């Protein structure tokens, strides 16, 4: 299930006319969203402070926090920033 598409549809319907049909669709979409929130899975052998902190956090929120700090990493450690982005791009 593509959560990005669900979030986009929620946004679209939220800004659309308030009709019974739109409200029904929103109710279903919010239900799907609430029950399919991906959380960061951390295995018991993970020992870093970061992995312990991120364990069980909704994935979207974890990525938002990381994104807020990536600019600082880019400025202070440009090679490390590039290495992180390269590793992520290679996972696609």
Protein backbone atom coordinates (compact mmCIF):
# COMPACT_ATOMS: atom_id res chain seq x y z
CA UNK A 1 0.00 0.00 0.00
CA UNK A 2 1.45 3.35 -1.05
CA UNK A 3 1.18 5.63 1.99
CA UNK A 4 2.34 8.60 -0.07
CA UNK A 5 -0.66 8.18 -2.38
CA UNK A 6 -2.96 7.84 0.63
CA UNK A 7 -1.56 11.01 2.20
CA UNK A 8 -1.93 12.89 -1.10
CA UNK A 9 -5.54 11.75 -1.43
CA UNK A 10 -6.25 12.80 2.16
CA UNK A 11 -4.79 16.22 1.39
CA UNK A 12 -6.85 16.51 -1.79
CA UNK A 13 -10.09 15.51 -0.09
CA UNK A 14 -9.40 17.77 2.88
CA UNK A 15 -9.22 20.74 0.51
CA UNK A 16 -12.26 19.63 -1.52
CA UNK A 17 -15.91 20.38 -0.84
CA UNK A 18 -17.27 18.83 2.33
CA UNK A 19 -19.66 16.25 0.96
CA UNK A 20 -20.90 13.04 2.49
CA UNK A 21 -19.02 11.04 -0.15
CA UNK A 22 -15.73 12.89 0.53
CA UNK A 23 -16.16 12.38 4.27
CA UNK A 24 -16.70 8.65 3.74
CA UNK A 25 -13.53 8.43 1.66
CA UNK A 26 -11.57 10.39 4.27
CA UNK A 27 -12.78 8.10 7.05
CA UNK A 28 -11.57 5.05 5.15
CA UNK A 29 -8.24 6.65 4.25
CA UNK A 30 -7.57 7.79 7.83
CA UNK A 31 -8.40 4.29 9.07
CA UNK A 32 -5.93 2.77 6.61
CA UNK A 33 -3.30 5.34 7.55
CA UNK A 34 -3.74 4.76 11.28
CA UNK A 35 -3.43 0.99 10.94
CA UNK A 36 -0.51 0.96 8.50
CA UNK A 37 1.96 3.31 10.08
CA UNK A 38 5.34 1.75 9.47
CA UNK A 39 7.53 1.88 12.53
CA UNK A 40 11.26 1.46 12.59
CA UNK A 41 12.05 -2.15 13.39
CA UNK A 42 15.20 -2.60 15.43
CA UNK A 43 16.59 -5.99 16.18
CA UNK A 44 17.59 -6.96 19.71
CA UNK A 45 21.30 -6.98 18.83
CA UNK A 46 21.27 -3.28 17.91
CA UNK A 47 23.27 -1.50 20.54
CA UNK A 48 23.90 2.06 19.36
CA UNK A 49 22.22 4.91 21.18
CA UNK A 50 20.67 6.02 17.87
CA UNK A 51 19.14 2.62 17.13
CA UNK A 52 17.69 2.43 20.63
CA UNK A 53 16.21 5.93 20.27
CA UNK A 54 14.62 5.25 16.87
CA UNK A 55 13.18 1.85 17.78
CA UNK A 56 9.39 1.87 17.42
CA UNK A 57 9.18 5.43 16.07
CA UNK A 58 6.88 5.86 13.06
CA UNK A 59 9.11 5.77 9.97
CA UNK A 60 7.83 9.05 8.52
CA UNK A 61 8.56 10.91 11.77
CA UNK A 62 12.01 9.33 12.09
CA UNK A 63 12.89 10.41 8.55
CA UNK A 64 11.61 13.93 9.20
CA UNK A 65 13.91 14.27 12.21
CA UNK A 66 16.86 12.92 10.23
CA UNK A 67 16.11 15.23 7.30
CA UNK A 68 16.18 18.24 9.63
CA UNK A 69 19.76 17.36 10.58
CA UNK A 70 21.08 16.31 7.18
CA UNK A 71 21.76 19.93 6.21
CA UNK A 72 24.15 20.26 9.15
CA UNK A 73 25.89 17.05 8.13
CA UNK A 74 26.14 18.35 4.57
CA UNK A 75 27.76 21.59 5.75
CA UNK A 76 30.12 20.08 8.31
CA UNK A 77 30.89 16.76 6.63
CA UNK A 78 30.18 17.03 2.89
CA UNK A 79 31.92 13.73 2.04
CA UNK A 80 29.91 11.90 4.70
CA UNK A 81 26.68 13.47 3.43
CA UNK A 82 27.49 12.34 -0.12
CA UNK A 83 28.35 8.85 1.13
CA UNK A 84 25.01 8.59 2.96
CA UNK A 85 23.05 9.73 -0.09
CA UNK A 86 25.02 7.36 -2.35
CA UNK A 87 24.34 4.40 -0.06
CA UNK A 88 20.63 5.21 0.01
CA UNK A 89 20.48 5.64 -3.77
CA UNK A 90 22.20 2.27 -4.21
CA UNK A 91 19.45 0.61 -2.17
CA UNK A 92 16.84 1.52 -4.79
